[in-house]
N, C-alpha and C. Protein backbone atom coordinates (compact mmCIF):
# COMPACT_ATOMS: atom_id res chain seq x y z
N UNK A 1 -3.93 -16.42 96.69
CA UNK A 1 -3.46 -16.84 95.38
C UNK A 1 -4.67 -17.33 94.58
N UNK A 2 -4.94 -16.64 93.44
CA UNK A 2 -6.04 -17.03 92.57
C UNK A 2 -5.58 -18.17 91.67
N UNK A 3 -6.31 -19.26 91.70
CA UNK A 3 -5.92 -20.44 90.94
C UNK A 3 -6.90 -20.63 89.78
N UNK A 4 -6.34 -20.92 88.60
CA UNK A 4 -7.14 -21.11 87.39
C UNK A 4 -6.90 -22.49 86.82
N UNK A 5 -7.94 -23.04 86.20
CA UNK A 5 -7.79 -24.24 85.39
C UNK A 5 -7.77 -23.73 83.96
N UNK A 6 -6.67 -23.95 83.27
CA UNK A 6 -6.53 -23.39 81.92
C UNK A 6 -5.70 -24.29 81.03
N UNK A 7 -5.62 -23.92 79.77
CA UNK A 7 -4.86 -24.70 78.80
C UNK A 7 -3.45 -24.17 78.69
N UNK A 8 -2.53 -25.09 78.54
CA UNK A 8 -1.12 -24.75 78.33
C UNK A 8 -0.74 -25.28 76.96
N UNK A 9 -0.31 -24.39 76.05
CA UNK A 9 -0.03 -24.79 74.68
C UNK A 9 1.29 -25.53 74.58
N UNK A 10 1.26 -26.63 73.86
CA UNK A 10 2.45 -27.44 73.64
C UNK A 10 2.47 -27.76 72.14
N UNK A 11 3.42 -28.53 71.71
CA UNK A 11 3.47 -28.95 70.32
C UNK A 11 4.28 -27.97 69.46
N UNK A 12 4.53 -28.38 68.24
CA UNK A 12 5.33 -27.57 67.32
C UNK A 12 4.49 -26.45 66.71
N UNK A 13 5.16 -25.56 66.00
CA UNK A 13 4.47 -24.46 65.34
C UNK A 13 3.50 -25.03 64.31
N UNK A 14 2.26 -24.60 64.36
CA UNK A 14 1.25 -25.07 63.44
C UNK A 14 0.65 -26.42 63.81
N UNK A 15 1.13 -27.03 64.89
CA UNK A 15 0.61 -28.33 65.34
C UNK A 15 0.29 -28.24 66.83
N UNK A 16 -0.78 -27.53 67.19
CA UNK A 16 -1.05 -27.30 68.61
C UNK A 16 -1.51 -28.55 69.34
N UNK A 17 -1.13 -28.61 70.59
CA UNK A 17 -1.51 -29.67 71.52
C UNK A 17 -1.58 -28.97 72.88
N UNK A 18 -2.62 -29.22 73.63
CA UNK A 18 -2.80 -28.48 74.88
C UNK A 18 -2.86 -29.42 76.08
N UNK A 19 -2.30 -28.95 77.19
CA UNK A 19 -2.44 -29.65 78.46
C UNK A 19 -3.39 -28.83 79.32
N UNK A 20 -4.29 -29.50 80.00
CA UNK A 20 -5.19 -28.85 80.94
C UNK A 20 -4.47 -28.83 82.28
N UNK A 21 -4.17 -27.64 82.79
CA UNK A 21 -3.37 -27.53 84.01
C UNK A 21 -4.05 -26.61 85.02
N UNK A 22 -3.63 -26.75 86.26
CA UNK A 22 -4.03 -25.84 87.33
C UNK A 22 -2.82 -24.95 87.56
N UNK A 23 -3.04 -23.61 87.45
CA UNK A 23 -1.92 -22.68 87.58
C UNK A 23 -2.36 -21.42 88.31
N UNK A 24 -1.38 -20.72 88.86
CA UNK A 24 -1.63 -19.41 89.46
C UNK A 24 -2.04 -18.47 88.34
N UNK A 25 -3.02 -17.62 88.58
CA UNK A 25 -3.53 -16.75 87.53
C UNK A 25 -2.49 -15.72 87.07
N UNK A 26 -1.46 -15.48 87.87
CA UNK A 26 -0.44 -14.49 87.51
C UNK A 26 0.70 -15.10 86.70
N UNK A 27 0.79 -16.41 86.64
CA UNK A 27 1.88 -17.03 85.89
C UNK A 27 1.54 -17.01 84.39
N UNK A 28 2.56 -17.00 83.52
CA UNK A 28 2.31 -16.94 82.08
C UNK A 28 1.62 -18.20 81.56
N UNK A 29 1.04 -18.08 80.37
CA UNK A 29 0.25 -19.18 79.79
C UNK A 29 1.03 -20.49 79.73
N UNK A 30 2.25 -20.44 79.22
CA UNK A 30 3.05 -21.65 79.09
C UNK A 30 4.08 -21.79 80.20
N UNK A 31 3.89 -21.04 81.26
CA UNK A 31 4.86 -21.05 82.34
C UNK A 31 4.56 -22.07 83.41
N UNK A 32 4.89 -21.70 84.63
CA UNK A 32 4.80 -22.58 85.78
C UNK A 32 3.35 -22.96 86.06
N UNK A 33 3.14 -24.21 86.45
CA UNK A 33 1.80 -24.66 86.81
C UNK A 33 1.88 -25.54 88.06
N UNK A 34 0.74 -25.74 88.70
CA UNK A 34 0.69 -26.49 89.95
C UNK A 34 0.53 -27.98 89.67
N UNK A 35 -0.45 -28.32 88.80
CA UNK A 35 -0.71 -29.73 88.52
C UNK A 35 -1.35 -29.88 87.14
N UNK A 36 -1.00 -30.95 86.44
CA UNK A 36 -1.59 -31.25 85.14
C UNK A 36 -2.82 -32.13 85.35
N UNK A 37 -3.93 -31.76 84.70
CA UNK A 37 -5.18 -32.51 84.86
C UNK A 37 -5.47 -33.43 83.68
N UNK A 38 -4.92 -33.12 82.52
CA UNK A 38 -5.20 -33.91 81.34
C UNK A 38 -4.67 -33.22 80.10
N UNK A 39 -5.21 -33.61 78.94
CA UNK A 39 -4.77 -32.98 77.69
C UNK A 39 -5.92 -32.86 76.70
N UNK A 40 -5.68 -32.04 75.67
CA UNK A 40 -6.67 -31.78 74.62
C UNK A 40 -5.91 -31.68 73.30
N UNK A 41 -6.29 -32.53 72.34
CA UNK A 41 -5.66 -32.51 71.02
C UNK A 41 -6.71 -32.14 69.98
N UNK A 42 -6.70 -30.89 69.50
CA UNK A 42 -7.73 -30.46 68.55
C UNK A 42 -7.50 -30.96 67.13
N UNK A 43 -6.33 -31.54 66.84
CA UNK A 43 -6.02 -31.93 65.47
C UNK A 43 -6.60 -33.27 65.08
N UNK A 44 -7.01 -34.09 66.04
CA UNK A 44 -7.60 -35.37 65.70
C UNK A 44 -9.07 -35.17 65.33
N UNK A 45 -9.65 -36.17 64.65
CA UNK A 45 -11.05 -36.05 64.27
C UNK A 45 -11.81 -37.22 64.87
N UNK A 46 -12.64 -37.08 65.86
CA UNK A 46 -12.96 -35.88 66.62
C UNK A 46 -11.84 -35.51 67.59
N UNK A 47 -11.83 -34.26 68.06
CA UNK A 47 -10.76 -33.85 68.97
C UNK A 47 -10.69 -34.74 70.22
N UNK A 48 -9.47 -35.05 70.64
CA UNK A 48 -9.25 -35.92 71.80
C UNK A 48 -9.22 -35.09 73.07
N UNK A 49 -10.02 -35.51 74.05
CA UNK A 49 -10.03 -34.85 75.36
C UNK A 49 -9.87 -35.93 76.41
N UNK A 50 -8.82 -35.83 77.23
CA UNK A 50 -8.62 -36.78 78.32
C UNK A 50 -8.36 -35.97 79.58
N UNK A 51 -9.23 -36.14 80.57
CA UNK A 51 -9.12 -35.39 81.82
C UNK A 51 -9.25 -36.36 82.99
N UNK A 52 -8.37 -36.21 83.97
CA UNK A 52 -8.45 -37.01 85.20
C UNK A 52 -9.59 -36.42 86.03
N UNK A 53 -10.70 -37.14 86.10
CA UNK A 53 -11.92 -36.63 86.74
C UNK A 53 -11.72 -36.33 88.21
N UNK A 54 -11.03 -37.20 88.93
CA UNK A 54 -10.85 -36.99 90.37
C UNK A 54 -10.08 -35.71 90.66
N UNK A 55 -8.97 -35.50 89.91
CA UNK A 55 -8.17 -34.30 90.12
C UNK A 55 -8.95 -33.04 89.75
N UNK A 56 -9.68 -33.10 88.65
CA UNK A 56 -10.44 -31.93 88.19
C UNK A 56 -11.51 -31.55 89.22
N UNK A 57 -12.26 -32.54 89.71
CA UNK A 57 -13.29 -32.25 90.71
C UNK A 57 -12.67 -31.76 92.02
N UNK A 58 -11.52 -32.30 92.39
CA UNK A 58 -10.82 -31.85 93.59
C UNK A 58 -10.47 -30.36 93.48
N UNK A 59 -9.91 -29.95 92.34
CA UNK A 59 -9.51 -28.55 92.17
C UNK A 59 -10.72 -27.63 92.03
N UNK A 60 -11.81 -28.12 91.46
CA UNK A 60 -13.03 -27.31 91.41
C UNK A 60 -13.59 -27.10 92.81
N UNK A 61 -13.54 -28.15 93.65
CA UNK A 61 -13.99 -28.01 95.04
C UNK A 61 -13.12 -27.05 95.82
N UNK A 62 -11.84 -27.02 95.50
CA UNK A 62 -10.91 -26.11 96.20
C UNK A 62 -11.07 -24.66 95.75
N UNK A 63 -11.83 -24.43 94.69
CA UNK A 63 -12.10 -23.05 94.26
C UNK A 63 -11.37 -22.62 93.01
N UNK A 64 -10.76 -23.53 92.28
CA UNK A 64 -10.08 -23.16 91.05
C UNK A 64 -11.12 -22.75 90.01
N UNK A 65 -10.89 -21.62 89.35
CA UNK A 65 -11.83 -21.11 88.36
C UNK A 65 -11.37 -21.51 86.96
N UNK A 66 -12.21 -22.23 86.19
CA UNK A 66 -11.81 -22.59 84.83
C UNK A 66 -11.94 -21.40 83.88
N UNK A 67 -11.04 -21.30 82.92
CA UNK A 67 -11.17 -20.28 81.88
C UNK A 67 -12.30 -20.70 80.96
N UNK A 68 -12.69 -19.83 80.02
CA UNK A 68 -13.81 -20.14 79.13
C UNK A 68 -13.57 -21.43 78.34
N UNK A 69 -12.38 -21.58 77.79
CA UNK A 69 -12.08 -22.76 76.98
C UNK A 69 -12.01 -24.01 77.86
N UNK A 70 -11.39 -23.90 79.02
CA UNK A 70 -11.30 -25.04 79.93
C UNK A 70 -12.69 -25.43 80.42
N UNK A 71 -13.55 -24.44 80.64
CA UNK A 71 -14.92 -24.72 81.07
C UNK A 71 -15.67 -25.48 79.98
N UNK A 72 -15.45 -25.10 78.72
CA UNK A 72 -16.10 -25.81 77.62
C UNK A 72 -15.65 -27.27 77.55
N UNK A 73 -14.36 -27.51 77.79
CA UNK A 73 -13.86 -28.88 77.79
C UNK A 73 -14.43 -29.68 78.96
N UNK A 74 -14.53 -29.05 80.12
CA UNK A 74 -15.10 -29.73 81.29
C UNK A 74 -16.58 -30.05 81.07
N UNK A 75 -17.29 -29.17 80.36
CA UNK A 75 -18.69 -29.43 80.06
C UNK A 75 -18.83 -30.60 79.09
N UNK A 76 -17.93 -30.68 78.12
CA UNK A 76 -17.99 -31.78 77.16
C UNK A 76 -17.78 -33.12 77.86
N UNK A 77 -16.92 -33.14 78.86
CA UNK A 77 -16.68 -34.37 79.62
C UNK A 77 -17.67 -34.52 80.78
N UNK A 78 -18.61 -33.58 80.90
CA UNK A 78 -19.67 -33.57 81.91
C UNK A 78 -19.13 -33.52 83.34
N UNK A 79 -17.93 -33.01 83.51
CA UNK A 79 -17.35 -32.87 84.85
C UNK A 79 -17.94 -31.66 85.57
N UNK A 80 -18.22 -30.61 84.82
CA UNK A 80 -18.78 -29.41 85.44
C UNK A 80 -20.18 -29.70 85.98
N UNK A 81 -20.97 -30.49 85.24
CA UNK A 81 -22.30 -30.85 85.71
C UNK A 81 -22.22 -31.69 86.99
N UNK A 82 -21.26 -32.61 87.04
CA UNK A 82 -21.07 -33.43 88.26
C UNK A 82 -20.73 -32.53 89.44
N UNK A 83 -19.86 -31.59 89.22
CA UNK A 83 -19.44 -30.69 90.30
C UNK A 83 -20.61 -29.84 90.78
N UNK A 84 -21.40 -29.29 89.85
CA UNK A 84 -22.51 -28.41 90.23
C UNK A 84 -23.63 -29.20 90.92
N UNK A 85 -23.91 -30.41 90.46
CA UNK A 85 -24.95 -31.20 91.14
C UNK A 85 -24.50 -31.62 92.53
N UNK A 86 -23.22 -31.93 92.68
CA UNK A 86 -22.71 -32.29 94.01
C UNK A 86 -22.76 -31.10 94.95
N UNK A 87 -22.60 -29.92 94.40
CA UNK A 87 -22.62 -28.71 95.21
C UNK A 87 -24.05 -28.26 95.49
N UNK A 88 -25.03 -28.80 94.73
CA UNK A 88 -26.42 -28.45 94.96
C UNK A 88 -26.91 -27.30 94.11
N UNK A 89 -26.20 -26.95 93.08
CA UNK A 89 -26.65 -25.87 92.19
C UNK A 89 -27.46 -26.44 91.04
N UNK A 90 -28.23 -25.55 90.45
CA UNK A 90 -29.02 -25.96 89.30
C UNK A 90 -28.10 -26.10 88.09
N UNK A 91 -28.22 -27.19 87.37
CA UNK A 91 -27.36 -27.46 86.23
C UNK A 91 -28.02 -26.92 84.97
N UNK A 92 -27.22 -26.23 84.17
CA UNK A 92 -27.72 -25.73 82.89
C UNK A 92 -27.72 -26.88 81.90
N UNK A 93 -28.88 -27.22 81.40
CA UNK A 93 -28.97 -28.28 80.42
C UNK A 93 -28.81 -27.68 79.04
N UNK A 94 -27.88 -28.22 78.28
CA UNK A 94 -27.70 -27.79 76.91
C UNK A 94 -28.62 -28.62 76.03
N UNK A 95 -29.36 -27.97 75.11
CA UNK A 95 -30.25 -28.74 74.26
C UNK A 95 -29.45 -29.62 73.31
N UNK A 96 -29.99 -30.78 73.01
CA UNK A 96 -29.33 -31.70 72.07
C UNK A 96 -29.34 -31.06 70.69
N UNK A 97 -28.33 -31.30 69.89
CA UNK A 97 -28.26 -30.66 68.58
C UNK A 97 -29.45 -30.98 67.68
N UNK A 98 -29.95 -32.21 67.72
CA UNK A 98 -31.07 -32.58 66.85
C UNK A 98 -32.38 -31.98 67.36
N UNK A 99 -32.52 -31.81 68.66
CA UNK A 99 -33.75 -31.30 69.24
C UNK A 99 -33.62 -29.86 69.71
N UNK A 100 -32.70 -29.12 69.16
CA UNK A 100 -32.39 -27.78 69.64
C UNK A 100 -33.60 -26.87 69.59
N UNK A 101 -34.16 -26.64 68.44
CA UNK A 101 -35.31 -25.77 68.30
C UNK A 101 -36.00 -26.12 67.00
N UNK A 102 -37.31 -25.88 66.93
CA UNK A 102 -37.98 -26.15 65.67
C UNK A 102 -37.42 -25.22 64.58
N UNK A 103 -37.21 -25.80 63.44
CA UNK A 103 -36.62 -25.00 62.36
C UNK A 103 -37.70 -24.16 61.70
N UNK A 104 -37.38 -22.93 61.50
CA UNK A 104 -38.28 -22.01 60.83
C UNK A 104 -37.69 -21.76 59.45
N UNK A 105 -38.51 -21.98 58.43
CA UNK A 105 -38.00 -21.79 57.08
C UNK A 105 -37.89 -20.31 56.79
N UNK A 106 -36.71 -19.90 56.46
CA UNK A 106 -36.46 -18.51 56.13
C UNK A 106 -36.25 -18.40 54.63
N UNK A 107 -36.72 -17.31 54.04
CA UNK A 107 -36.49 -17.16 52.61
C UNK A 107 -35.00 -17.00 52.34
N UNK A 108 -34.57 -17.53 51.21
CA UNK A 108 -33.16 -17.45 50.87
C UNK A 108 -32.80 -15.99 50.59
N UNK A 109 -31.70 -15.53 51.12
CA UNK A 109 -31.31 -14.14 50.85
C UNK A 109 -30.92 -13.99 49.39
N UNK A 110 -31.29 -12.83 48.84
CA UNK A 110 -30.95 -12.56 47.45
C UNK A 110 -29.46 -12.27 47.35
N UNK A 111 -28.83 -12.84 46.34
CA UNK A 111 -27.39 -12.57 46.21
C UNK A 111 -27.15 -11.11 45.83
N UNK A 112 -26.11 -10.55 46.39
CA UNK A 112 -25.76 -9.17 46.09
C UNK A 112 -25.13 -9.10 44.70
N UNK A 113 -25.40 -8.03 43.98
CA UNK A 113 -24.78 -7.93 42.66
C UNK A 113 -23.27 -7.82 42.80
N UNK A 114 -22.59 -8.48 41.90
CA UNK A 114 -21.13 -8.50 41.96
C UNK A 114 -20.58 -7.14 41.56
N UNK A 115 -19.55 -6.71 42.25
CA UNK A 115 -18.91 -5.44 41.92
C UNK A 115 -18.06 -5.64 40.68
N UNK A 116 -18.03 -4.64 39.80
CA UNK A 116 -17.19 -4.79 38.61
C UNK A 116 -15.72 -4.83 39.01
N UNK A 117 -15.00 -5.72 38.40
CA UNK A 117 -13.59 -5.85 38.70
C UNK A 117 -12.80 -4.89 37.83
N UNK A 118 -11.73 -4.39 38.39
CA UNK A 118 -10.86 -3.52 37.61
C UNK A 118 -9.98 -4.39 36.73
N UNK A 119 -9.98 -4.07 35.47
CA UNK A 119 -9.14 -4.85 34.56
C UNK A 119 -7.72 -4.33 34.62
N UNK A 120 -6.83 -5.11 34.11
CA UNK A 120 -5.42 -4.72 34.12
C UNK A 120 -5.19 -3.46 33.28
N UNK A 121 -5.95 -3.33 32.19
CA UNK A 121 -5.75 -2.16 31.33
C UNK A 121 -6.14 -0.88 32.05
N UNK A 122 -7.20 -0.94 32.92
CA UNK A 122 -7.58 0.28 33.64
C UNK A 122 -6.55 0.62 34.70
N UNK A 123 -5.90 -0.38 35.26
CA UNK A 123 -4.85 -0.13 36.24
C UNK A 123 -3.65 0.49 35.55
N UNK A 124 -3.32 -0.02 34.38
CA UNK A 124 -2.18 0.52 33.64
C UNK A 124 -2.45 1.93 33.15
N UNK A 125 -3.73 2.22 32.85
CA UNK A 125 -4.07 3.53 32.31
C UNK A 125 -4.13 4.61 33.39
N UNK A 126 -4.12 4.21 34.64
CA UNK A 126 -4.20 5.18 35.72
C UNK A 126 -2.96 6.07 35.71
N UNK A 127 -3.14 7.38 35.94
CA UNK A 127 -1.98 8.27 35.92
C UNK A 127 -1.05 7.97 37.08
N UNK A 128 0.21 8.05 36.80
CA UNK A 128 1.21 7.81 37.83
C UNK A 128 1.87 9.13 38.18
N UNK A 129 2.27 9.25 39.41
CA UNK A 129 2.99 10.46 39.83
C UNK A 129 4.42 10.35 39.36
N UNK A 130 4.88 11.44 38.75
CA UNK A 130 6.23 11.45 38.22
C UNK A 130 7.00 12.55 38.92
N UNK A 131 8.23 12.28 39.26
CA UNK A 131 9.06 13.29 39.90
C UNK A 131 9.56 14.27 38.87
N UNK A 132 9.56 15.52 39.26
CA UNK A 132 10.08 16.54 38.35
C UNK A 132 11.60 16.55 38.43
N UNK A 133 12.21 16.79 37.30
CA UNK A 133 13.66 16.87 37.27
C UNK A 133 14.11 18.22 37.78
N UNK A 134 15.39 18.33 38.04
CA UNK A 134 15.96 19.58 38.55
C UNK A 134 15.78 20.70 37.52
N UNK A 135 15.95 20.37 36.25
CA UNK A 135 15.80 21.37 35.19
C UNK A 135 14.36 21.89 35.13
N UNK A 136 13.38 21.00 35.30
CA UNK A 136 11.98 21.43 35.27
C UNK A 136 11.67 22.34 36.45
N UNK A 137 12.22 22.03 37.61
CA UNK A 137 11.99 22.87 38.79
C UNK A 137 12.58 24.26 38.58
N UNK A 138 13.79 24.31 38.02
CA UNK A 138 14.43 25.61 37.77
C UNK A 138 13.64 26.41 36.75
N UNK A 139 13.13 25.77 35.70
CA UNK A 139 12.35 26.46 34.68
C UNK A 139 11.08 27.05 35.29
N UNK A 140 10.43 26.32 36.18
CA UNK A 140 9.23 26.85 36.83
C UNK A 140 9.57 28.02 37.74
N UNK A 141 10.71 27.94 38.41
CA UNK A 141 11.12 29.02 39.32
C UNK A 141 11.41 30.30 38.53
N UNK A 142 12.10 30.19 37.39
CA UNK A 142 12.41 31.39 36.58
C UNK A 142 11.16 31.96 35.97
N UNK A 143 10.18 31.13 35.61
CA UNK A 143 8.92 31.62 35.05
C UNK A 143 8.10 32.31 36.13
N UNK A 144 8.24 31.90 37.38
CA UNK A 144 7.46 32.47 38.47
C UNK A 144 8.07 33.77 38.98
N UNK A 145 9.38 34.03 38.73
CA UNK A 145 10.02 35.24 39.24
C UNK A 145 9.42 36.53 38.66
N UNK A 146 9.21 36.68 37.34
CA UNK A 146 8.62 37.93 36.82
C UNK A 146 7.21 38.15 37.36
N UNK A 147 6.43 37.09 37.54
CA UNK A 147 5.08 37.24 38.07
C UNK A 147 5.13 37.72 39.52
N UNK A 148 6.04 37.20 40.30
CA UNK A 148 6.15 37.60 41.70
C UNK A 148 6.59 39.05 41.80
N UNK A 149 7.50 39.47 40.91
CA UNK A 149 7.96 40.86 40.93
C UNK A 149 6.83 41.80 40.55
N UNK A 150 6.02 41.42 39.58
CA UNK A 150 4.89 42.25 39.14
C UNK A 150 3.85 42.36 40.25
N UNK A 151 3.59 41.30 40.94
CA UNK A 151 2.62 41.33 42.03
C UNK A 151 3.09 42.21 43.17
N UNK A 152 4.37 42.19 43.48
CA UNK A 152 4.87 43.00 44.58
C UNK A 152 4.81 44.48 44.23
N UNK A 153 4.99 44.85 42.96
CA UNK A 153 4.90 46.26 42.55
C UNK A 153 3.48 46.76 42.69
N UNK A 154 2.49 45.97 42.30
CA UNK A 154 1.09 46.40 42.40
C UNK A 154 0.66 46.53 43.84
N UNK A 155 1.12 45.70 44.72
CA UNK A 155 0.72 45.81 46.12
C UNK A 155 1.34 47.03 46.77
N UNK A 156 2.54 47.43 46.32
CA UNK A 156 3.17 48.62 46.89
C UNK A 156 2.45 49.88 46.43
N UNK A 157 1.95 49.90 45.20
CA UNK A 157 1.25 51.07 44.68
C UNK A 157 -0.10 51.24 45.34
N UNK A 158 -0.80 50.15 45.65
CA UNK A 158 -2.14 50.21 46.22
C UNK A 158 -2.13 50.61 47.68
N UNK A 159 -1.09 50.32 48.41
CA UNK A 159 -1.06 50.62 49.83
C UNK A 159 -0.55 52.06 50.03
N UNK A 160 -1.33 52.90 50.69
CA UNK A 160 -0.87 54.27 50.96
C UNK A 160 0.23 54.25 52.00
N UNK A 161 1.20 55.06 51.82
CA UNK A 161 2.29 55.11 52.77
C UNK A 161 1.89 55.98 53.96
N UNK A 162 2.55 55.80 55.06
CA UNK A 162 2.22 56.53 56.29
C UNK A 162 2.71 57.97 56.21
N UNK A 163 3.69 58.24 55.35
CA UNK A 163 4.25 59.58 55.24
C UNK A 163 3.27 60.53 54.54
N UNK A 164 2.40 59.98 53.65
CA UNK A 164 1.49 60.83 52.90
C UNK A 164 0.32 61.26 53.77
N UNK A 165 -0.06 60.56 54.72
CA UNK A 165 -1.23 60.69 55.50
C UNK A 165 -1.41 61.88 56.26
């Protein structure tokens, strides 16, 4: 049984609230879970993250694999670093935001020329497709009949018959 540490969505529509849970990888996102580890509320400023450290480290030791989002939350709470150092692995140090990298001054990009907007008058002036009435269709059909008859006579005259041959 593959076990994952992942988020379970809760809360009303448009007001998300997540629980960090340990669940079987085959169970649905908001379905059955094994144990709740904490919660994450992205709507507060700053977002609230509360995780039971003992339970999280226990499940990581047992082999539960965190999803990408759950892993990011565990890194923010520095639980993943604790787990990796206890296991003897090299910890990836994330650079501090202020000391990330020396800033290189880049020239400001030139603004692109604005595309001309279509005015309402040009939209109104655009030709519209109009359905032909029954009378117009009949008039076209009667006008096309003499032409079709004339074309069929010329094709019969040009083709030699097999009897003459």
